[in-house]
Amino acid sequence: MTINIPRQLDYSVVIRTLGTSGEKYHSLLKSVKNQTVQPREVVVVMAHGYTLPPFHIENERVVWTRKGMVNQRQVGFEESKSPYLLVLDDDISFENDFVEKMFRQMQSTGADCIFPVTGFGGGQK
């Protein structure tokens, strides 16, 4: 079965951060920038009292809220403008076709929500 990935897939990236991940955060932004399918927006959810990282990306919008993993993600969900969300921690990176692979998996399984499992259980995928 062939699944066509629309080049204009409407999704938002949500990044919860305290701005303390340094070079890892920079690598994450490069991963997002290099995706074969670009997001509509990148919502960076910062906690009050922390400093915004010096690295930025096109279509970035910063939202400030109180600190908390769940709270920051929830605010990111509420602030996003797309039907699909890619919710990311600030210390990861991934290959250029990551979004394509994830969307392809959603299409082939009919899932409404998916997430990758890597390095779980002693490095098994």
N, C-alpha and C. Protein backbone atom coordinates (compact mmCIF):
# COMPACT_ATOMS: atom_id res chain seq x y z
N MET A 1 0.84 -1.17 0.00
CA MET A 1 0.00 0.00 0.00
C MET A 1 0.89 1.25 0.00
N THR A 2 0.60 2.17 -0.89
CA THR A 2 1.34 3.43 -0.95
C THR A 2 0.54 4.51 -0.24
N ILE A 3 1.23 5.24 0.62
CA ILE A 3 0.58 6.32 1.37
C ILE A 3 1.25 7.62 0.96
N ASN A 4 0.45 8.55 0.48
CA ASN A 4 0.98 9.84 0.07
C ASN A 4 1.01 10.78 1.27
N ILE A 5 2.16 11.40 1.47
CA ILE A 5 2.32 12.35 2.56
C ILE A 5 2.16 13.75 1.97
N PRO A 6 1.14 14.49 2.38
CA PRO A 6 0.99 15.84 1.85
C PRO A 6 2.14 16.74 2.31
N ARG A 7 2.72 17.45 1.37
CA ARG A 7 3.84 18.34 1.70
C ARG A 7 3.41 19.50 2.58
N GLN A 8 2.13 19.78 2.61
CA GLN A 8 1.61 20.85 3.44
C GLN A 8 0.80 20.29 4.60
N LEU A 9 1.23 19.15 5.14
CA LEU A 9 0.57 18.57 6.31
C LEU A 9 0.47 19.66 7.38
N ASP A 10 -0.72 19.84 7.90
CA ASP A 10 -0.97 20.93 8.85
C ASP A 10 -0.72 20.44 10.27
N TYR A 11 0.48 20.73 10.78
CA TYR A 11 0.81 20.34 12.15
C TYR A 11 1.62 21.45 12.83
N SER A 12 1.52 21.46 14.14
CA SER A 12 2.29 22.39 14.97
C SER A 12 3.29 21.59 15.79
N VAL A 13 4.42 22.20 16.05
CA VAL A 13 5.40 21.64 16.97
C VAL A 13 5.24 22.38 18.29
N VAL A 14 5.18 21.61 19.39
CA VAL A 14 5.09 22.18 20.73
C VAL A 14 6.33 21.73 21.50
N ILE A 15 7.09 22.70 21.99
CA ILE A 15 8.30 22.39 22.75
C ILE A 15 8.16 22.99 24.15
N ARG A 16 8.19 22.13 25.15
CA ARG A 16 8.18 22.57 26.54
C ARG A 16 9.63 22.68 26.98
N THR A 17 10.02 23.83 27.52
CA THR A 17 11.42 24.01 27.91
C THR A 17 11.56 24.96 29.09
N LEU A 18 12.67 24.80 29.78
CA LEU A 18 13.09 25.77 30.79
C LEU A 18 14.25 26.60 30.27
N GLY A 19 14.68 26.27 29.04
CA GLY A 19 15.77 27.01 28.41
C GLY A 19 17.14 26.62 28.91
N THR A 20 17.25 25.45 29.51
CA THR A 20 18.53 25.05 30.11
C THR A 20 19.21 23.89 29.38
N SER A 21 18.69 23.49 28.23
CA SER A 21 19.25 22.32 27.52
C SER A 21 20.41 22.66 26.61
N GLY A 22 20.70 23.94 26.42
CA GLY A 22 21.86 24.37 25.65
C GLY A 22 21.92 23.81 24.24
N GLU A 23 23.01 23.15 23.93
CA GLU A 23 23.26 22.64 22.58
C GLU A 23 22.25 21.58 22.16
N LYS A 24 21.70 20.85 23.12
CA LYS A 24 20.66 19.85 22.79
C LYS A 24 19.42 20.55 22.22
N TYR A 25 19.08 21.69 22.79
CA TYR A 25 17.93 22.46 22.29
C TYR A 25 18.22 22.95 20.87
N HIS A 26 19.43 23.40 20.65
CA HIS A 26 19.84 23.84 19.31
C HIS A 26 19.72 22.68 18.31
N SER A 27 20.15 21.48 18.70
CA SER A 27 20.02 20.30 17.83
C SER A 27 18.56 19.98 17.53
N LEU A 28 17.70 20.14 18.54
CA LEU A 28 16.27 19.92 18.34
C LEU A 28 15.73 20.88 17.28
N LEU A 29 16.06 22.15 17.40
CA LEU A 29 15.57 23.12 16.42
C LEU A 29 16.07 22.80 15.02
N LYS A 30 17.30 22.33 14.90
CA LYS A 30 17.83 21.93 13.59
C LYS A 30 17.05 20.74 13.05
N SER A 31 16.69 19.79 13.92
CA SER A 31 15.88 18.65 13.49
C SER A 31 14.54 19.10 12.94
N VAL A 32 13.91 20.04 13.62
CA VAL A 32 12.62 20.56 13.17
C VAL A 32 12.79 21.31 11.85
N LYS A 33 13.80 22.15 11.77
CA LYS A 33 14.04 22.94 10.55
C LYS A 33 14.31 22.06 9.33
N ASN A 34 14.93 20.90 9.54
CA ASN A 34 15.32 20.03 8.43
C ASN A 34 14.27 19.00 8.05
N GLN A 35 13.08 19.07 8.64
CA GLN A 35 12.04 18.11 8.31
C GLN A 35 11.62 18.26 6.85
N THR A 36 11.34 17.14 6.21
CA THR A 36 10.88 17.17 4.82
C THR A 36 9.48 17.75 4.71
N VAL A 37 8.72 17.69 5.79
CA VAL A 37 7.41 18.32 5.87
C VAL A 37 7.49 19.33 7.02
N GLN A 38 7.37 20.61 6.70
CA GLN A 38 7.54 21.67 7.68
C GLN A 38 6.26 21.95 8.48
N PRO A 39 6.40 22.31 9.75
CA PRO A 39 5.22 22.63 10.56
C PRO A 39 4.66 24.01 10.22
N ARG A 40 3.41 24.19 10.53
CA ARG A 40 2.79 25.51 10.39
C ARG A 40 3.42 26.49 11.37
N GLU A 41 3.72 26.00 12.58
CA GLU A 41 4.26 26.85 13.63
C GLU A 41 5.06 26.01 14.61
N VAL A 42 5.91 26.70 15.35
CA VAL A 42 6.65 26.09 16.45
C VAL A 42 6.30 26.89 17.70
N VAL A 43 5.60 26.24 18.62
CA VAL A 43 5.18 26.90 19.86
C VAL A 43 6.16 26.48 20.95
N VAL A 44 6.94 27.44 21.42
CA VAL A 44 7.90 27.21 22.49
C VAL A 44 7.26 27.68 23.79
N VAL A 45 7.07 26.75 24.72
CA VAL A 45 6.40 27.09 25.97
C VAL A 45 7.45 27.19 27.07
N MET A 46 7.70 28.44 27.49
CA MET A 46 8.71 28.76 28.49
C MET A 46 8.05 28.98 29.86
N ALA A 47 8.78 28.61 30.89
CA ALA A 47 8.31 28.85 32.26
C ALA A 47 8.77 30.24 32.71
N HIS A 48 7.87 30.95 33.40
CA HIS A 48 8.22 32.24 33.98
C HIS A 48 9.46 32.08 34.86
N GLY A 49 10.34 33.08 34.82
CA GLY A 49 11.52 33.06 35.67
C GLY A 49 12.74 32.42 35.02
N TYR A 50 12.58 31.89 33.82
CA TYR A 50 13.69 31.27 33.09
C TYR A 50 14.03 32.12 31.88
N THR A 51 15.22 31.92 31.33
CA THR A 51 15.70 32.72 30.21
C THR A 51 15.50 31.97 28.90
N LEU A 52 14.93 32.67 27.93
CA LEU A 52 14.72 32.10 26.60
C LEU A 52 16.06 31.72 25.98
N PRO A 53 16.18 30.51 25.42
CA PRO A 53 17.44 30.11 24.79
C PRO A 53 17.81 31.05 23.64
N PRO A 54 19.09 31.15 23.31
CA PRO A 54 19.53 32.05 22.24
C PRO A 54 19.26 31.51 20.84
N PHE A 55 18.78 30.29 20.73
CA PHE A 55 18.55 29.67 19.43
C PHE A 55 17.08 29.82 19.05
N HIS A 56 16.83 30.14 17.76
CA HIS A 56 15.47 30.35 17.31
C HIS A 56 15.26 29.71 15.94
N ILE A 57 14.01 29.60 15.54
CA ILE A 57 13.63 28.97 14.28
C ILE A 57 12.49 29.78 13.66
N GLU A 58 12.35 29.67 12.34
CA GLU A 58 11.23 30.34 11.66
C GLU A 58 9.90 29.83 12.22
N ASN A 59 8.90 30.65 12.15
CA ASN A 59 7.55 30.30 12.61
C ASN A 59 7.48 30.03 14.10
N GLU A 60 8.47 30.49 14.85
CA GLU A 60 8.50 30.27 16.29
C GLU A 60 7.63 31.31 17.00
N ARG A 61 6.89 30.82 17.97
CA ARG A 61 6.09 31.70 18.81
C ARG A 61 6.32 31.26 20.25
N VAL A 62 6.72 32.19 21.08
CA VAL A 62 7.02 31.88 22.49
C VAL A 62 5.81 32.22 23.35
N VAL A 63 5.46 31.29 24.21
CA VAL A 63 4.35 31.47 25.14
C VAL A 63 4.92 31.25 26.54
N TRP A 64 4.60 32.14 27.46
CA TRP A 64 5.10 32.07 28.83
C TRP A 64 3.98 31.59 29.75
N THR A 65 4.36 30.72 30.70
CA THR A 65 3.39 30.20 31.67
C THR A 65 4.12 29.76 32.92
N ARG A 66 3.38 29.25 33.89
CA ARG A 66 4.02 28.76 35.11
C ARG A 66 4.74 27.44 34.82
N LYS A 67 5.77 27.19 35.58
CA LYS A 67 6.59 25.99 35.42
C LYS A 67 5.79 24.74 35.75
N GLY A 68 6.04 23.70 34.98
CA GLY A 68 5.43 22.39 35.21
C GLY A 68 5.30 21.64 33.91
N MET A 69 5.80 20.41 33.88
CA MET A 69 5.78 19.63 32.65
C MET A 69 4.37 19.52 32.06
N VAL A 70 3.43 19.13 32.88
CA VAL A 70 2.06 18.95 32.39
C VAL A 70 1.45 20.30 32.02
N ASN A 71 1.61 21.29 32.88
CA ASN A 71 1.05 22.61 32.59
C ASN A 71 1.61 23.18 31.29
N GLN A 72 2.92 23.13 31.13
CA GLN A 72 3.53 23.70 29.93
C GLN A 72 3.04 22.99 28.67
N ARG A 73 2.91 21.68 28.73
CA ARG A 73 2.39 20.95 27.56
C ARG A 73 0.94 21.33 27.29
N GLN A 74 0.13 21.42 28.34
CA GLN A 74 -1.27 21.79 28.17
C GLN A 74 -1.40 23.17 27.53
N VAL A 75 -0.60 24.11 27.98
CA VAL A 75 -0.63 25.45 27.38
C VAL A 75 -0.22 25.37 25.91
N GLY A 76 0.76 24.55 25.60
CA GLY A 76 1.16 24.36 24.21
C GLY A 76 0.03 23.80 23.36
N PHE A 77 -0.71 22.83 23.91
CA PHE A 77 -1.87 22.27 23.19
C PHE A 77 -2.88 23.37 22.91
N GLU A 78 -3.19 24.15 23.94
CA GLU A 78 -4.20 25.20 23.81
C GLU A 78 -3.78 26.30 22.85
N GLU A 79 -2.50 26.59 22.78
CA GLU A 79 -2.00 27.68 21.93
C GLU A 79 -1.81 27.26 20.47
N SER A 80 -1.74 25.97 20.21
CA SER A 80 -1.49 25.48 18.84
C SER A 80 -2.67 25.73 17.93
N LYS A 81 -2.36 25.93 16.66
CA LYS A 81 -3.40 26.27 15.69
C LYS A 81 -3.64 25.17 14.66
N SER A 82 -3.05 24.00 14.86
CA SER A 82 -3.14 22.93 13.86
C SER A 82 -3.88 21.72 14.40
N PRO A 83 -4.44 20.90 13.49
CA PRO A 83 -5.14 19.69 13.94
C PRO A 83 -4.19 18.59 14.42
N TYR A 84 -2.93 18.63 13.99
CA TYR A 84 -1.94 17.66 14.43
C TYR A 84 -0.87 18.37 15.25
N LEU A 85 -0.39 17.69 16.30
CA LEU A 85 0.65 18.25 17.15
C LEU A 85 1.83 17.29 17.23
N LEU A 86 3.02 17.84 17.19
CA LEU A 86 4.24 17.09 17.47
C LEU A 86 4.78 17.68 18.76
N VAL A 87 4.62 16.96 19.85
CA VAL A 87 4.98 17.44 21.19
C VAL A 87 6.37 16.91 21.52
N LEU A 88 7.28 17.84 21.82
CA LEU A 88 8.69 17.46 21.97
C LEU A 88 9.28 17.94 23.29
N ASP A 89 10.17 17.14 23.84
CA ASP A 89 11.02 17.59 24.92
C ASP A 89 12.14 18.41 24.30
N ASP A 90 12.83 19.20 25.11
CA ASP A 90 13.82 20.14 24.57
C ASP A 90 15.22 19.56 24.42
N ASP A 91 15.38 18.28 24.65
CA ASP A 91 16.72 17.68 24.62
C ASP A 91 16.83 16.49 23.67
N ILE A 92 16.01 16.48 22.63
CA ILE A 92 16.04 15.38 21.67
C ILE A 92 16.36 15.90 20.27
N SER A 93 16.67 14.98 19.38
CA SER A 93 16.80 15.29 17.96
C SER A 93 16.38 14.04 17.20
N PHE A 94 16.12 14.19 15.91
CA PHE A 94 15.61 13.08 15.13
C PHE A 94 15.92 13.29 13.66
N GLU A 95 15.71 12.24 12.86
CA GLU A 95 16.05 12.28 11.44
C GLU A 95 15.09 13.19 10.66
N ASN A 96 15.53 13.57 9.46
CA ASN A 96 14.80 14.55 8.63
C ASN A 96 13.42 14.09 8.17
N ASP A 97 13.19 12.78 8.13
CA ASP A 97 11.90 12.27 7.68
C ASP A 97 11.04 11.76 8.83
N PHE A 98 11.35 12.21 10.02
CA PHE A 98 10.63 11.77 11.22
C PHE A 98 9.13 12.02 11.11
N VAL A 99 8.73 13.22 10.74
CA VAL A 99 7.30 13.55 10.63
C VAL A 99 6.64 12.69 9.56
N GLU A 100 7.31 12.49 8.44
CA GLU A 100 6.75 11.62 7.39
C GLU A 100 6.51 10.22 7.92
N LYS A 101 7.48 9.67 8.64
CA LYS A 101 7.33 8.31 9.18
C LYS A 101 6.17 8.24 10.17
N MET A 102 6.08 9.23 11.03
CA MET A 102 5.00 9.24 12.02
C MET A 102 3.63 9.35 11.34
N PHE A 103 3.52 10.25 10.36
CA PHE A 103 2.24 10.42 9.67
C PHE A 103 1.89 9.16 8.87
N ARG A 104 2.89 8.56 8.25
CA ARG A 104 2.67 7.32 7.49
C ARG A 104 2.11 6.24 8.42
N GLN A 105 2.66 6.14 9.63
CA GLN A 105 2.17 5.16 10.60
C GLN A 105 0.73 5.46 11.00
N MET A 106 0.42 6.73 11.19
CA MET A 106 -0.97 7.11 11.52
C MET A 106 -1.92 6.71 10.40
N GLN A 107 -1.51 6.97 9.18
CA GLN A 107 -2.35 6.65 8.02
C GLN A 107 -2.56 5.15 7.88
N SER A 108 -1.50 4.39 8.04
CA SER A 108 -1.60 2.94 7.82
C SER A 108 -2.37 2.23 8.93
N THR A 109 -2.39 2.79 10.13
CA THR A 109 -3.08 2.14 11.25
C THR A 109 -4.44 2.76 11.57
N GLY A 110 -4.69 3.95 11.03
CA GLY A 110 -5.93 4.65 11.35
C GLY A 110 -5.92 5.27 12.74
N ALA A 111 -4.73 5.39 13.32
CA ALA A 111 -4.60 5.94 14.68
C ALA A 111 -4.82 7.44 14.67
N ASP A 112 -5.35 7.95 15.77
CA ASP A 112 -5.51 9.38 15.97
C ASP A 112 -4.29 9.98 16.67
N CYS A 113 -3.55 9.13 17.38
CA CYS A 113 -2.41 9.58 18.16
C CYS A 113 -1.34 8.49 18.14
N ILE A 114 -0.10 8.87 17.90
CA ILE A 114 1.00 7.92 17.97
C ILE A 114 2.20 8.59 18.62
N PHE A 115 3.13 7.78 19.08
CA PHE A 115 4.39 8.30 19.59
C PHE A 115 5.46 7.24 19.39
N PRO A 116 6.69 7.68 19.15
CA PRO A 116 7.76 6.70 18.95
C PRO A 116 8.24 6.16 20.29
N VAL A 117 8.65 4.92 20.28
CA VAL A 117 9.25 4.31 21.46
C VAL A 117 10.67 3.91 21.06
N THR A 118 11.64 4.61 21.61
CA THR A 118 13.02 4.29 21.32
C THR A 118 13.81 4.20 22.61
N GLY A 119 14.73 3.29 22.65
CA GLY A 119 15.58 3.15 23.81
C GLY A 119 14.86 2.68 25.05
N PHE A 120 13.65 2.14 24.88
CA PHE A 120 12.86 1.68 26.01
C PHE A 120 13.20 0.23 26.30
N GLY A 121 13.36 -0.11 27.54
CA GLY A 121 13.63 -1.50 27.90
C GLY A 121 15.04 -1.93 27.56
N GLY A 122 16.02 -1.10 27.88
CA GLY A 122 17.40 -1.49 27.67
C GLY A 122 17.86 -1.32 26.23
N GLY A 123 17.28 -0.38 25.52
CA GLY A 123 17.74 -0.09 24.17
C GLY A 123 16.96 -0.79 23.07
N GLN A 124 15.95 -1.56 23.41
CA GLN A 124 15.14 -2.21 22.39
C GLN A 124 14.20 -1.22 21.75
N LYS A 125 13.92 -1.40 20.48
CA LYS A 125 13.00 -0.51 19.76
C LYS A 125 11.74 -1.26 19.42
